[in-house]
Amino acid sequence: MAHEHAQPGVVLDLNTFGGSTSTAVVKEKNFEVIRIVVEAGKPIPPHKVEGPITVQCLSGRCTFFVGEEPRELVSGSWLYLTGGTIHALESEENAILLVSILFNRTD
């Protein structure tokens, strides 16, 4: 069953929102927030997005690659990347990340 997106002014518990699957929390024309579940042993291959992003680790631990440089993310840590930066993820334990993306869409 698909989850509804967050509604303005409504408090969410990000520890349980979306359960064990990655879920879009907010999806607007120029702004997107995704709760990403990184499963142990299931890497997310290198990719990039057009706009700047922030990544906050809500729980667990994972390795976040900025290009080929590893960065360890643990619960409570935060990372910022400019748009177009290639990044990837891998983890030896389950982790939950909150990713915010800004877009400059004019259409």
PDB file of N, CA and C in Angstrom:
ATOM      1  N   MET A   1       0.837  -1.178   0.000  1.00  0.00           N
ATOM      2  CA  MET A   1       0.000   0.000   0.000  1.00  0.00           C
ATOM      3  C   MET A   1       0.884   1.245   0.000  1.00  0.00           C
ATOM      4  N   ALA A   2       0.596   2.207  -0.847  1.00  0.00           N
ATOM      5  CA  ALA A   2       1.378   3.430  -0.931  1.00  0.00           C
ATOM      6  C   ALA A   2       1.107   4.320   0.274  1.00  0.00           C
ATOM      7  N   HIS A   3       2.166   5.014   0.691  1.00  0.00           N
ATOM      8  CA  HIS A   3       2.030   5.941   1.809  1.00  0.00           C
ATOM      9  C   HIS A   3       1.699   7.325   1.277  1.00  0.00           C
ATOM     10  N   GLU A   4       0.909   8.052   2.022  1.00  0.00           N
ATOM     11  CA  GLU A   4       0.633   9.432   1.661  1.00  0.00           C
ATOM     12  C   GLU A   4       1.837  10.281   2.023  1.00  0.00           C
ATOM     13  N   HIS A   5       2.012  11.371   1.300  1.00  0.00           N
ATOM     14  CA  HIS A   5       3.081  12.304   1.626  1.00  0.00           C
ATOM     15  C   HIS A   5       2.702  13.109   2.865  1.00  0.00           C
ATOM     16  N   ALA A   6       3.698  13.713   3.476  1.00  0.00           N
ATOM     17  CA  ALA A   6       3.464  14.566   4.634  1.00  0.00           C
ATOM     18  C   ALA A   6       2.562  15.735   4.242  1.00  0.00           C
ATOM     19  N   GLN A   7       1.786  16.184   5.194  1.00  0.00           N
ATOM     20  CA  GLN A   7       0.915  17.335   4.991  1.00  0.00           C
ATOM     21  C   GLN A   7       1.487  18.524   5.758  1.00  0.00           C
ATOM     22  N   PRO A   8       1.377  19.736   5.214  1.00  0.00           N
ATOM     23  CA  PRO A   8       1.898  20.905   5.908  1.00  0.00           C
ATOM     24  C   PRO A   8       1.332  21.018   7.323  1.00  0.00           C
ATOM     25  N   GLY A   9       2.203  21.279   8.283  1.00  0.00           N
ATOM     26  CA  GLY A   9       1.795  21.489   9.666  1.00  0.00           C
ATOM     27  C   GLY A   9       1.518  20.232  10.462  1.00  0.00           C
ATOM     28  N   VAL A  10       1.684  19.054   9.850  1.00  0.00           N
ATOM     29  CA  VAL A  10       1.416  17.790  10.537  1.00  0.00           C
ATOM     30  C   VAL A  10       2.739  17.164  10.976  1.00  0.00           C
ATOM     31  N   VAL A  11       2.831  16.805  12.255  1.00  0.00           N
ATOM     32  CA  VAL A  11       4.047  16.200  12.804  1.00  0.00           C
ATOM     33  C   VAL A  11       4.113  14.730  12.400  1.00  0.00           C
ATOM     34  N   LEU A  12       5.297  14.293  11.954  1.00  0.00           N
ATOM     35  CA  LEU A  12       5.519  12.897  11.571  1.00  0.00           C
ATOM     36  C   LEU A  12       6.556  12.255  12.481  1.00  0.00           C
ATOM     37  N   ASP A  13       6.421  10.969  12.721  1.00  0.00           N
ATOM     38  CA  ASP A  13       7.456  10.192  13.396  1.00  0.00           C
ATOM     39  C   ASP A  13       8.271   9.516  12.300  1.00  0.00           C
ATOM     40  N   LEU A  14       9.450  10.068  11.995  1.00  0.00           N
ATOM     41  CA  LEU A  14      10.265   9.542  10.907  1.00  0.00           C
ATOM     42  C   LEU A  14      10.871   8.182  11.221  1.00  0.00           C
ATOM     43  N   ASN A  15      10.831   7.769  12.486  1.00  0.00           N
ATOM     44  CA  ASN A  15      11.327   6.439  12.833  1.00  0.00           C
ATOM     45  C   ASN A  15      10.392   5.353  12.323  1.00  0.00           C
ATOM     46  N   THR A  16       9.110   5.678  12.166  1.00  0.00           N
ATOM     47  CA  THR A  16       8.145   4.666  11.733  1.00  0.00           C
ATOM     48  C   THR A  16       7.495   4.981  10.387  1.00  0.00           C
ATOM     49  N   PHE A  17       7.520   6.230   9.940  1.00  0.00           N
ATOM     50  CA  PHE A  17       6.897   6.613   8.669  1.00  0.00           C
ATOM     51  C   PHE A  17       7.512   5.799   7.533  1.00  0.00           C
ATOM     52  N   GLY A  18       6.711   5.070   6.808  1.00  0.00           N
ATOM     53  CA  GLY A  18       7.203   4.283   5.685  1.00  0.00           C
ATOM     54  C   GLY A  18       7.643   2.881   6.040  1.00  0.00           C
ATOM     55  N   GLY A  19       7.755   2.586   7.334  1.00  0.00           N
ATOM     56  CA  GLY A  19       8.142   1.236   7.748  1.00  0.00           C
ATOM     57  C   GLY A  19       9.525   0.848   7.272  1.00  0.00           C
ATOM     58  N   SER A  20       9.633  -0.326   6.655  1.00  0.00           N
ATOM     59  CA  SER A  20      10.940  -0.848   6.247  1.00  0.00           C
ATOM     60  C   SER A  20      11.252  -0.570   4.779  1.00  0.00           C
ATOM     61  N   THR A  21      10.498   0.339   4.150  1.00  0.00           N
ATOM     62  CA  THR A  21      10.760   0.673   2.751  1.00  0.00           C
ATOM     63  C   THR A  21      11.103   2.153   2.606  1.00  0.00           C
ATOM     64  N   SER A  22      11.856   2.475   1.568  1.00  0.00           N
ATOM     65  CA  SER A  22      12.169   3.868   1.269  1.00  0.00           C
ATOM     66  C   SER A  22      10.898   4.559   0.792  1.00  0.00           C
ATOM     67  N   THR A  23      10.679   5.787   1.271  1.00  0.00           N
ATOM     68  CA  THR A  23       9.413   6.474   1.039  1.00  0.00           C
ATOM     69  C   THR A  23       9.630   7.964   0.826  1.00  0.00           C
ATOM     70  N   ALA A  24       8.951   8.538  -0.160  1.00  0.00           N
ATOM     71  CA  ALA A  24       8.959   9.990  -0.327  1.00  0.00           C
ATOM     72  C   ALA A  24       8.106  10.596   0.782  1.00  0.00           C
ATOM     73  N   VAL A  25       8.699  11.497   1.546  1.00  0.00           N
ATOM     74  CA  VAL A  25       7.981  12.167   2.633  1.00  0.00           C
ATOM     75  C   VAL A  25       7.269  13.398   2.082  1.00  0.00           C
ATOM     76  N   VAL A  26       7.994  14.198   1.300  1.00  0.00           N
ATOM     77  CA  VAL A  26       7.446  15.395   0.654  1.00  0.00           C
ATOM     78  C   VAL A  26       7.905  15.379  -0.797  1.00  0.00           C
ATOM     79  N   LYS A  27       7.002  15.707  -1.693  1.00  0.00           N
ATOM     80  CA  LYS A  27       7.355  15.775  -3.108  1.00  0.00           C
ATOM     81  C   LYS A  27       6.678  17.002  -3.701  1.00  0.00           C
ATOM     82  N   GLU A  28       7.461  18.067  -3.868  1.00  0.00           N
ATOM     83  CA  GLU A  28       6.980  19.320  -4.442  1.00  0.00           C
ATOM     84  C   GLU A  28       7.773  19.597  -5.716  1.00  0.00           C
ATOM     85  N   LYS A  29       7.382  20.611  -6.452  1.00  0.00           N
ATOM     86  CA  LYS A  29       8.058  20.939  -7.710  1.00  0.00           C
ATOM     87  C   LYS A  29       9.561  21.164  -7.513  1.00  0.00           C
ATOM     88  N   ASN A  30       9.948  21.920  -6.501  1.00  0.00           N
ATOM     89  CA  ASN A  30      11.353  22.273  -6.306  1.00  0.00           C
ATOM     90  C   ASN A  30      11.969  21.727  -5.029  1.00  0.00           C
ATOM     91  N   PHE A  31      11.305  20.766  -4.393  1.00  0.00           N
ATOM     92  CA  PHE A  31      11.765  20.271  -3.092  1.00  0.00           C
ATOM     93  C   PHE A  31      11.271  18.848  -2.892  1.00  0.00           C
ATOM     94  N   GLU A  32      12.180  17.981  -2.487  1.00  0.00           N
ATOM     95  CA  GLU A  32      11.791  16.596  -2.221  1.00  0.00           C
ATOM     96  C   GLU A  32      12.530  16.104  -0.982  1.00  0.00           C
ATOM     97  N   VAL A  33      11.817  15.371  -0.141  1.00  0.00           N
ATOM     98  CA  VAL A  33      12.415  14.742   1.039  1.00  0.00           C
ATOM     99  C   VAL A  33      12.083  13.257   0.970  1.00  0.00           C
ATOM    100  N   ILE A  34      13.119  12.432   1.113  1.00  0.00           N
ATOM    101  CA  ILE A  34      12.944  10.985   1.010  1.00  0.00           C
ATOM    102  C   ILE A  34      13.523  10.326   2.256  1.00  0.00           C
ATOM    103  N   ARG A  35      12.765   9.421   2.831  1.00  0.00           N
ATOM    104  CA  ARG A  35      13.260   8.584   3.935  1.00  0.00           C
ATOM    105  C   ARG A  35      13.770   7.312   3.278  1.00  0.00           C
ATOM    106  N   ILE A  36      15.096   7.139   3.294  1.00  0.00           N
ATOM    107  CA  ILE A  36      15.724   6.013   2.601  1.00  0.00           C
ATOM    108  C   ILE A  36      16.145   4.955   3.605  1.00  0.00           C
ATOM    109  N   VAL A  37      15.712   3.735   3.360  1.00  0.00           N
ATOM    110  CA  VAL A  37      16.125   2.597   4.170  1.00  0.00           C
ATOM    111  C   VAL A  37      17.276   1.920   3.432  1.00  0.00           C
ATOM    112  N   VAL A  38      18.457   1.921   4.054  1.00  0.00           N
ATOM    113  CA  VAL A  38      19.632   1.269   3.479  1.00  0.00           C
ATOM    114  C   VAL A  38      19.758  -0.090   4.154  1.00  0.00           C
ATOM    115  N   GLU A  39      19.524  -1.146   3.392  1.00  0.00           N
ATOM    116  CA  GLU A  39      19.582  -2.490   3.953  1.00  0.00           C
ATOM    117  C   GLU A  39      21.012  -3.006   3.956  1.00  0.00           C
ATOM    118  N   ALA A  40      21.378  -3.677   5.033  1.00  0.00           N
ATOM    119  CA  ALA A  40      22.709  -4.255   5.153  1.00  0.00           C
ATOM    120  C   ALA A  40      22.995  -5.144   3.948  1.00  0.00           C
ATOM    121  N   GLY A  41      24.172  -4.952   3.352  1.00  0.00           N
ATOM    122  CA  GLY A  41      24.591  -5.792   2.238  1.00  0.00           C
ATOM    123  C   GLY A  41      23.947  -5.475   0.902  1.00  0.00           C
ATOM    124  N   LYS A  42      23.129  -4.409   0.819  1.00  0.00           N
ATOM    125  CA  LYS A  42      22.485  -4.032  -0.443  1.00  0.00           C
ATOM    126  C   LYS A  42      22.907  -2.607  -0.815  1.00  0.00           C
ATOM    127  N   PRO A  43      24.043  -2.474  -1.499  1.00  0.00           N
ATOM    128  CA  PRO A  43      24.549  -1.137  -1.820  1.00  0.00           C
ATOM    129  C   PRO A  43      23.640  -0.375  -2.780  1.00  0.00           C
ATOM    130  N   ILE A  44      23.708   0.941  -2.692  1.00  0.00           N
ATOM    131  CA  ILE A  44      23.040   1.826  -3.646  1.00  0.00           C
ATOM    132  C   ILE A  44      24.141   2.339  -4.566  1.00  0.00           C
ATOM    133  N   PRO A  45      24.078   2.022  -5.865  1.00  0.00           N
ATOM    134  CA  PRO A  45      25.180   2.336  -6.777  1.00  0.00           C
ATOM    135  C   PRO A  45      25.372   3.838  -6.979  1.00  0.00           C
ATOM    136  N   PRO A  46      26.542   4.222  -7.524  1.00  0.00           N
ATOM    137  CA  PRO A  46      26.820   5.641  -7.766  1.00  0.00           C
ATOM    138  C   PRO A  46      25.739   6.288  -8.634  1.00  0.00           C
ATOM    139  N   HIS A  47      25.353   7.500  -8.224  1.00  0.00           N
ATOM    140  CA  HIS A  47      24.355   8.274  -8.948  1.00  0.00           C
ATOM    141  C   HIS A  47      24.516   9.733  -8.560  1.00  0.00           C
ATOM    142  N   LYS A  48      23.753  10.614  -9.196  1.00  0.00           N
ATOM    143  CA  LYS A  48      23.774  12.037  -8.847  1.00  0.00           C
ATOM    144  C   LYS A  48      22.392  12.616  -9.077  1.00  0.00           C
ATOM    145  N   VAL A  49      22.146  13.759  -8.452  1.00  0.00           N
ATOM    146  CA  VAL A  49      20.903  14.499  -8.669  1.00  0.00           C
ATOM    147  C   VAL A  49      21.262  15.922  -9.065  1.00  0.00           C
ATOM    148  N   GLU A  50      20.333  16.600  -9.720  1.00  0.00           N
ATOM    149  CA  GLU A  50      20.630  17.921 -10.268  1.00  0.00           C
ATOM    150  C   GLU A  50      20.816  19.008  -9.215  1.00  0.00           C
ATOM    151  N   GLY A  51      20.141  18.899  -8.093  1.00  0.00           N
ATOM    152  CA  GLY A  51      20.195  19.967  -7.097  1.00  0.00           C
ATOM    153  C   GLY A  51      21.001  19.595  -5.872  1.00  0.00           C
ATOM    154  N   PRO A  52      21.245  20.570  -4.994  1.00  0.00           N
ATOM    155  CA  PRO A  52      21.950  20.282  -3.746  1.00  0.00           C
ATOM    156  C   PRO A  52      21.123  19.359  -2.857  1.00  0.00           C
ATOM    157  N   ILE A  53      21.817  18.551  -2.057  1.00  0.00           N
ATOM    158  CA  ILE A  53      21.134  17.625  -1.159  1.00  0.00           C
ATOM    159  C   ILE A  53      21.724  17.703   0.240  1.00  0.00           C
ATOM    160  N   THR A  54      20.902  17.347   1.212  1.00  0.00           N
ATOM    161  CA  THR A  54      21.386  17.098   2.567  1.00  0.00           C
ATOM    162  C   THR A  54      21.000  15.674   2.927  1.00  0.00           C
ATOM    163  N   VAL A  55      21.849  15.039   3.724  1.00  0.00           N
ATOM    164  CA  VAL A  55      21.611  13.664   4.154  1.00  0.00           C
ATOM    165  C   VAL A  55      21.790  13.616   5.662  1.00  0.00           C
ATOM    166  N   GLN A  56      20.768  13.180   6.364  1.00  0.00           N
ATOM    167  CA  GLN A  56      20.837  13.026   7.815  1.00  0.00           C
ATOM    168  C   GLN A  56      20.595  11.562   8.147  1.00  0.00           C
ATOM    169  N   CYS A  57      21.494  10.978   8.940  1.00  0.00           N
ATOM    170  CA  CYS A  57      21.315   9.598   9.377  1.00  0.00           C
ATOM    171  C   CYS A  57      20.400   9.601  10.601  1.00  0.00           C
ATOM    172  N   LEU A  58      19.246   8.965  10.465  1.00  0.00           N
ATOM    173  CA  LEU A  58      18.285   8.890  11.567  1.00  0.00           C
ATOM    174  C   LEU A  58      18.584   7.722  12.493  1.00  0.00           C
ATOM    175  N   SER A  59      19.056   6.610  11.922  1.00  0.00           N
ATOM    176  CA  SER A  59      19.395   5.445  12.742  1.00  0.00           C
ATOM    177  C   SER A  59      20.366   4.554  11.987  1.00  0.00           C
ATOM    178  N   GLY A  60      21.083   3.727  12.738  1.00  0.00           N
ATOM    179  CA  GLY A  60      22.026   2.799  12.137  1.00  0.00           C
ATOM    180  C   GLY A  60      23.339   3.459  11.762  1.00  0.00           C
ATOM    181  N   ARG A  61      24.024   2.825  10.827  1.00  0.00           N
ATOM    182  CA  ARG A  61      25.338   3.287  10.376  1.00  0.00           C
ATOM    183  C   ARG A  61      25.508   2.853   8.925  1.00  0.00           C
ATOM    184  N   CYS A  62      26.101   3.725   8.104  1.00  0.00           N
ATOM    185  CA  CYS A  62      26.391   3.346   6.723  1.00  0.00           C
ATOM    186  C   CYS A  62      27.594   4.128   6.221  1.00  0.00           C
ATOM    187  N   THR A  63      28.131   3.669   5.106  1.00  0.00           N
ATOM    188  CA  THR A  63      29.221   4.368   4.437  1.00  0.00           C
ATOM    189  C   THR A  63      28.632   5.090   3.239  1.00  0.00           C
ATOM    190  N   PHE A  64      28.822   6.406   3.215  1.00  0.00           N
ATOM    191  CA  PHE A  64      28.317   7.264   2.146  1.00  0.00           C
ATOM    192  C   PHE A  64      29.530   7.705   1.342  1.00  0.00           C
ATOM    193  N   PHE A  65      29.568   7.346   0.075  1.00  0.00           N
ATOM    194  CA  PHE A  65      30.705   7.699  -0.770  1.00  0.00           C
ATOM    195  C   PHE A  65      30.417   8.999  -1.506  1.00  0.00           C
ATOM    196  N   VAL A  66      31.317   9.973  -1.345  1.00  0.00           N
ATOM    197  CA  VAL A  66      31.279  11.224  -2.098  1.00  0.00           C
ATOM    198  C   VAL A  66      32.341  11.048  -3.176  1.00  0.00           C
ATOM    199  N   GLY A  67      31.899  10.797  -4.413  1.00  0.00           N
ATOM    200  CA  GLY A  67      32.842  10.324  -5.426  1.00  0.00           C
ATOM    201  C   GLY A  67      33.324   8.955  -4.968  1.00  0.00           C
ATOM    202  N   GLU A  68      34.629   8.830  -4.760  1.00  0.00           N
ATOM    203  CA  GLU A  68      35.174   7.565  -4.253  1.00  0.00           C
ATOM    204  C   GLU A  68      35.605   7.672  -2.795  1.00  0.00           C
ATOM    205  N   GLU A  69      35.401   8.832  -2.184  1.00  0.00           N
ATOM    206  CA  GLU A  69      35.819   9.059  -0.798  1.00  0.00           C
ATOM    207  C   GLU A  69      34.731   8.628   0.182  1.00  0.00           C
ATOM    208  N   PRO A  70      35.049   7.680   1.076  1.00  0.00           N
ATOM    209  CA  PRO A  70      34.038   7.215   2.036  1.00  0.00           C
ATOM    210  C   PRO A  70      33.847   8.188   3.194  1.00  0.00           C
ATOM    211  N   ARG A  71      32.606   8.315   3.629  1.00  0.00           N
ATOM    212  CA  ARG A  71      32.240   9.095   4.813  1.00  0.00           C
ATOM    213  C   ARG A  71      31.342   8.207   5.662  1.00  0.00           C
ATOM    214  N   GLU A  72      31.653   8.068   6.928  1.00  0.00           N
ATOM    215  CA  GLU A  72      30.822   7.257   7.816  1.00  0.00           C
ATOM    216  C   GLU A  72      29.666   8.098   8.353  1.00  0.00           C
ATOM    217  N   LEU A  73      28.460   7.612   8.177  1.00  0.00           N
ATOM    218  CA  LEU A  73      27.281   8.263   8.736  1.00  0.00           C
ATOM    219  C   LEU A  73      26.737   7.397   9.859  1.00  0.00           C
ATOM    220  N   VAL A  74      26.492   8.017  10.998  1.00  0.00           N
ATOM    221  CA  VAL A  74      25.895   7.337  12.148  1.00  0.00           C
ATOM    222  C   VAL A  74      24.690   8.155  12.594  1.00  0.00           C
ATOM    223  N   SER A  75      23.874   7.580  13.438  1.00  0.00           N
ATOM    224  CA  SER A  75      22.683   8.261  13.920  1.00  0.00           C
ATOM    225  C   SER A  75      23.026   9.661  14.424  1.00  0.00           C
ATOM    226  N   GLY A  76      22.356  10.662  13.876  1.00  0.00           N
ATOM    227  CA  GLY A  76      22.578  12.048  14.273  1.00  0.00           C
ATOM    228  C   GLY A  76      23.546  12.805  13.381  1.00  0.00           C
ATOM    229  N   SER A  77      24.266  12.124  12.470  1.00  0.00           N
ATOM    230  CA  SER A  77      25.214  12.835  11.607  1.00  0.00           C
ATOM    231  C   SER A  77      24.498  13.389  10.375  1.00  0.00           C
ATOM    232  N   TRP A  78      25.130  14.398   9.750  1.00  0.00           N
ATOM    233  CA  TRP A  78      24.509  15.159   8.670  1.00  0.00           C
ATOM    234  C   TRP A  78      25.564  15.481   7.629  1.00  0.00           C
ATOM    235  N   LEU A  79      25.166  15.535   6.369  1.00  0.00           N
ATOM    236  CA  LEU A  79      26.085  15.765   5.253  1.00  0.00           C
ATOM    237  C   LEU A  79      25.385  16.621   4.203  1.00  0.00           C
ATOM    238  N   TYR A  80      26.146  17.512   3.562  1.00  0.00           N
ATOM    239  CA  TYR A  80      25.623  18.375   2.496  1.00  0.00           C
ATOM    240  C   TYR A  80      26.443  18.141   1.233  1.00  0.00           C
ATOM    241  N   LEU A  81      25.786  18.059   0.082  1.00  0.00           N
ATOM    242  CA  LEU A  81      26.463  17.936  -1.213  1.00  0.00           C
ATOM    243  C   LEU A  81      25.876  18.937  -2.198  1.00  0.00           C
ATOM    244  N   THR A  82      26.722  19.463  -3.073  1.00  0.00           N
ATOM    245  CA  THR A  82      26.232  20.329  -4.141  1.00  0.00           C
ATOM    246  C   THR A  82      25.603  19.470  -5.234  1.00  0.00           C
ATOM    247  N   GLY A  83      24.763  20.072  -6.037  1.00  0.00           N
ATOM    248  CA  GLY A  83      24.115  19.355  -7.128  1.00  0.00           C
ATOM    249  C   GLY A  83      25.131  18.777  -8.094  1.00  0.00           C
ATOM    250  N   GLY A  84      24.825  17.611  -8.637  1.00  0.00           N
ATOM    251  CA  GLY A  84      25.698  16.968  -9.607  1.00  0.00           C
ATOM    252  C   GLY A  84      26.829  16.151  -9.011  1.00  0.00           C
ATOM    253  N   THR A  85      26.933  16.091  -7.686  1.00  0.00           N
ATOM    254  CA  THR A  85      27.989  15.311  -7.035  1.00  0.00           C
ATOM    255  C   THR A  85      27.630  13.829  -7.077  1.00  0.00           C
ATOM    256  N   ILE A  86      28.529  13.021  -7.614  1.00  0.00           N
ATOM    257  CA  ILE A  86      28.297  11.577  -7.656  1.00  0.00           C
ATOM    258  C   ILE A  86      28.465  11.016  -6.248  1.00  0.00           C
ATOM    259  N   HIS A  87      27.514  10.178  -5.849  1.00  0.00           N
ATOM    260  CA  HIS A  87      27.557   9.581  -4.517  1.00  0.00           C
ATOM    261  C   HIS A  87      26.955   8.181  -4.551  1.00  0.00           C
ATOM    262  N   ALA A  88      27.297   7.385  -3.536  1.00  0.00           N
ATOM    263  CA  ALA A  88      26.818   6.004  -3.429  1.00  0.00           C
ATOM    264  C   ALA A  88      26.754   5.638  -1.956  1.00  0.00           C
ATOM    265  N   LEU A  89      26.116   4.511  -1.657  1.00  0.00           N
ATOM    266  CA  LEU A  89      25.954   4.064  -0.269  1.00  0.00           C
ATOM    267  C   LEU A  89      26.192   2.574  -0.153  1.00  0.00           C
ATOM    268  N   GLU A  90      26.716   2.181   1.005  1.00  0.00           N
ATOM    269  CA  GLU A  90      26.752   0.765   1.359  1.00  0.00           C
ATOM    270  C   GLU A  90      26.704   0.670   2.871  1.00  0.00           C
ATOM    271  N   SER A  91      26.281  -0.479   3.352  1.00  0.00           N
ATOM    272  CA  SER A  91      26.118  -0.623   4.793  1.00  0.00           C
ATOM    273  C   SER A  91      26.255  -2.074   5.219  1.00  0.00           C
ATOM    274  N   GLU A  92      26.853  -2.265   6.386  1.00  0.00           N
ATOM    275  CA  GLU A  92      26.945  -3.597   6.977  1.00  0.00           C
ATOM    276  C   GLU A  92      25.822  -3.817   7.985  1.00  0.00           C
ATOM    277  N   GLU A  93      25.075  -2.757   8.283  1.00  0.00           N
ATOM    278  CA  GLU A  93      23.897  -2.864   9.143  1.00  0.00           C
ATOM    279  C   GLU A  93      22.816  -1.968   8.561  1.00  0.00           C
ATOM    280  N   ASN A  94      21.582  -2.217   8.903  1.00  0.00           N
ATOM    281  CA  ASN A  94      20.493  -1.397   8.390  1.00  0.00           C
ATOM    282  C   ASN A  94      20.639   0.040   8.882  1.00  0.00           C
ATOM    283  N   ALA A  95      20.287   0.981   8.017  1.00  0.00           N
ATOM    284  CA  ALA A  95      20.334   2.397   8.376  1.00  0.00           C
ATOM    285  C   ALA A  95      19.128   3.094   7.757  1.00  0.00           C
ATOM    286  N   ILE A  96      18.708   4.175   8.382  1.00  0.00           N
ATOM    287  CA  ILE A  96      17.636   5.005   7.837  1.00  0.00           C
ATOM    288  C   ILE A  96      18.185   6.416   7.665  1.00  0.00           C
ATOM    289  N   LEU A  97      18.037   6.956   6.452  1.00  0.00           N
ATOM    290  CA  LEU A  97      18.535   8.287   6.122  1.00  0.00           C
ATOM    291  C   LEU A  97      17.371   9.180   5.710  1.00  0.00           C
ATOM    292  N   LEU A  98      17.507  10.461   6.010  1.00  0.00           N
ATOM    293  CA  LEU A  98      16.557  11.460   5.542  1.00  0.00           C
ATOM    294  C   LEU A  98      17.296  12.329   4.530  1.00  0.00           C
ATOM    295  N   VAL A  99      16.873  12.270   3.274  1.00  0.00           N
ATOM    296  CA  VAL A  99      17.538  12.993   2.193  1.00  0.00           C
ATOM    297  C   VAL A  99      16.618  14.108   1.709  1.00  0.00           C
ATOM    298  N   SER A 100      17.143  15.331   1.686  1.00  0.00           N
ATOM    299  CA  SER A 100      16.407  16.489   1.171  1.00  0.00           C
ATOM    300  C   SER A 100      17.089  16.953  -0.107  1.00  0.00           C
ATOM    301  N   ILE A 101      16.304  17.196  -1.151  1.00  0.00           N
ATOM    302  CA  ILE A 101      16.840  17.611  -2.447  1.00  0.00           C
ATOM    303  C   ILE A 101      16.133  18.893  -2.877  1.00  0.00           C
ATOM    304  N   LEU A 102      16.922  19.876  -3.324  1.00  0.00           N
ATOM    305  CA  LEU A 102      16.361  21.105  -3.893  1.00  0.00           C
ATOM    306  C   LEU A 102      16.542  21.068  -5.399  1.00  0.00           C
ATOM    307  N   PHE A 103      15.511  21.461  -6.129  1.00  0.00           N
ATOM    308  CA  PHE A 103      15.565  21.505  -7.585  1.00  0.00           C
ATOM    309  C   PHE A 103      15.331  22.936  -8.040  1.00  0.00           C
ATOM    310  N   ASN A 104      15.841  23.271  -9.211  1.00  0.00           N
ATOM    311  CA  ASN A 104      15.604  24.584  -9.800  1.00  0.00           C
ATOM    312  C   ASN A 104      14.798  24.384 -11.077  1.00  0.00           C
ATOM    313  N   ARG A 105      13.578  23.911 -10.914  1.00  0.00           N
ATOM    314  CA  ARG A 105      12.717  23.621 -12.063  1.00  0.00           C
ATOM    315  C   ARG A 105      11.869  24.842 -12.394  1.00  0.00           C
ATOM    316  N   THR A 106      11.796  25.146 -13.667  1.00  0.00           N
ATOM    317  CA  THR A 106      11.003  26.302 -14.090  1.00  0.00           C
ATOM    318  C   THR A 106       9.771  25.903 -14.887  1.00  0.00           C
ATOM    319  N   ASP A 107       9.620  24.617 -15.199  1.00  0.00           N
ATOM    320  CA  ASP A 107       8.455  24.184 -15.984  1.00  0.00           C
ATOM    321  C   ASP A 107       7.236  23.981 -15.136  1.00  0.00           C
TER     322      ASP A 107
END
